[in-house]
C-alpha atoms as a PDB file:
ATOM      1  CA  MET A   1      71.203  56.889 -51.453  1.00  0.00           C
ATOM      2  CA  LYS A   2      70.145  59.754 -49.169  1.00  0.00           C
ATOM      3  CA  LYS A   3      66.537  59.545 -50.375  1.00  0.00           C
ATOM      4  CA  ARG A   4      66.455  55.851 -49.525  1.00  0.00           C
ATOM      5  CA  ASN A   5      67.790  56.485 -46.013  1.00  0.00           C
ATOM      6  CA  LEU A   6      65.379  59.369 -45.529  1.00  0.00           C
ATOM      7  CA  GLY A   7      62.452  57.197 -46.669  1.00  0.00           C
ATOM      8  CA  LEU A   8      63.500  54.416 -44.308  1.00  0.00           C
ATOM      9  CA  LEU A   9      63.815  56.865 -41.418  1.00  0.00           C
ATOM     10  CA  PHE A  10      60.360  58.277 -42.217  1.00  0.00           C
ATOM     11  CA  LEU A  11      58.826  54.778 -42.298  1.00  0.00           C
ATOM     12  CA  ILE A  12      60.390  53.820 -38.964  1.00  0.00           C
ATOM     13  CA  THR A  13      59.194  57.077 -37.396  1.00  0.00           C
ATOM     14  CA  VAL A  14      55.631  56.584 -38.648  1.00  0.00           C
ATOM     15  CA  LEU A  15      55.510  52.994 -37.362  1.00  0.00           C
ATOM     16  CA  PHE A  16      56.912  54.057 -33.996  1.00  0.00           C
ATOM     17  CA  LEU A  17      54.388  56.856 -33.598  1.00  0.00           C
ATOM     18  CA  ALA A  18      51.513  54.577 -34.643  1.00  0.00           C
ATOM     19  CA  GLY A  19      52.473  52.213 -31.819  1.00  0.00           C
ATOM     20  CA  CYS A  20      52.423  55.080 -29.316  1.00  0.00           C
ATOM     21  CA  GLN A  21      48.806  55.978 -30.009  1.00  0.00           C
ATOM     22  CA  ALA A  22      46.781  56.195 -26.798  1.00  0.00           C
ATOM     23  CA  THR A  23      43.532  54.248 -26.778  1.00  0.00           C
ATOM     24  CA  GLN A  24      40.722  54.171 -24.280  1.00  0.00           C
ATOM     25  CA  PRO A  25      39.807  50.772 -22.842  1.00  0.00           C
ATOM     26  CA  VAL A  26      36.400  49.485 -23.840  1.00  0.00           C
ATOM     27  CA  LYS A  27      34.096  49.472 -20.841  1.00  0.00           C
ATOM     28  CA  GLN A  28      31.509  46.736 -20.831  1.00  0.00           C
ATOM     29  CA  LYS A  29      28.682  46.250 -18.409  1.00  0.00           C
ATOM     30  CA  GLY A  30      28.711  42.797 -16.901  1.00  0.00           C
ATOM     31  CA  ILE A  31      30.582  39.680 -17.869  1.00  0.00           C
ATOM     32  CA  THR A  32      30.659  38.226 -21.376  1.00  0.00           C
ATOM     33  CA  VAL A  33      30.855  34.426 -21.601  1.00  0.00           C
ATOM     34  CA  ILE A  34      31.452  32.504 -24.827  1.00  0.00           C
ATOM     35  CA  SER A  35      30.501  28.831 -24.618  1.00  0.00           C
ATOM     36  CA  SER A  36      31.182  26.077 -27.118  1.00  0.00           C
ATOM     37  CA  LEU A  37      27.790  24.364 -26.762  1.00  0.00           C
ATOM     38  CA  ASP A  38      24.366  25.755 -26.007  1.00  0.00           C
ATOM     39  CA  PHE A  39      24.077  23.323 -23.074  1.00  0.00           C
ATOM     40  CA  TYR A  40      26.991  25.033 -21.319  1.00  0.00           C
ATOM     41  CA  GLY A  41      25.643  28.422 -22.341  1.00  0.00           C
ATOM     42  CA  GLU A  42      22.384  27.731 -20.540  1.00  0.00           C
ATOM     43  CA  ILE A  43      24.295  26.847 -17.376  1.00  0.00           C
ATOM     44  CA  ALA A  44      26.332  30.044 -17.663  1.00  0.00           C
ATOM     45  CA  LYS A  45      23.117  32.073 -18.113  1.00  0.00           C
ATOM     46  CA  ALA A  46      21.700  30.512 -14.960  1.00  0.00           C
ATOM     47  CA  VAL A  47      24.818  31.406 -12.994  1.00  0.00           C
ATOM     48  CA  LEU A  48      25.192  34.947 -14.393  1.00  0.00           C
ATOM     49  CA  GLY A  49      21.563  35.950 -14.222  1.00  0.00           C
ATOM     50  CA  ASN A  50      21.296  39.556 -15.362  1.00  0.00           C
ATOM     51  CA  HIS A  51      24.944  40.338 -14.522  1.00  0.00           C
ATOM     52  CA  GLY A  52      26.323  39.294 -17.912  1.00  0.00           C
ATOM     53  CA  HIS A  53      25.802  38.074 -21.454  1.00  0.00           C
ATOM     54  CA  VAL A  54      26.305  34.547 -22.855  1.00  0.00           C
ATOM     55  CA  GLN A  55      27.033  33.703 -26.503  1.00  0.00           C
ATOM     56  CA  SER A  56      26.994  30.050 -27.597  1.00  0.00           C
ATOM     57  CA  ILE A  57      28.971  29.008 -30.688  1.00  0.00           C
ATOM     58  CA  ILE A  58      27.030  25.805 -31.490  1.00  0.00           C
ATOM     59  CA  THR A  59      23.311  26.275 -30.864  1.00  0.00           C
ATOM     60  CA  ASN A  60      21.959  23.372 -32.907  1.00  0.00           C
ATOM     61  CA  PRO A  61      22.202  20.028 -31.050  1.00  0.00           C
ATOM     62  CA  ALA A  62      22.134  18.122 -34.374  1.00  0.00           C
ATOM     63  CA  ILE A  63      25.586  19.420 -35.335  1.00  0.00           C
END
């Protein structure tokens, strides 16, 4: 019974410490825009210029 309690305490401690891990925020240059259609992506590119990046999900108009 003591081994079971000790194992449970160890597991809880490990999970708690894993949640306390410090991470550095990812720094990106510019704005990232995800658009559903390429048509909207082209408009976003025109607005952003060279201040960001645009990724379109559907690039084929036949879909």
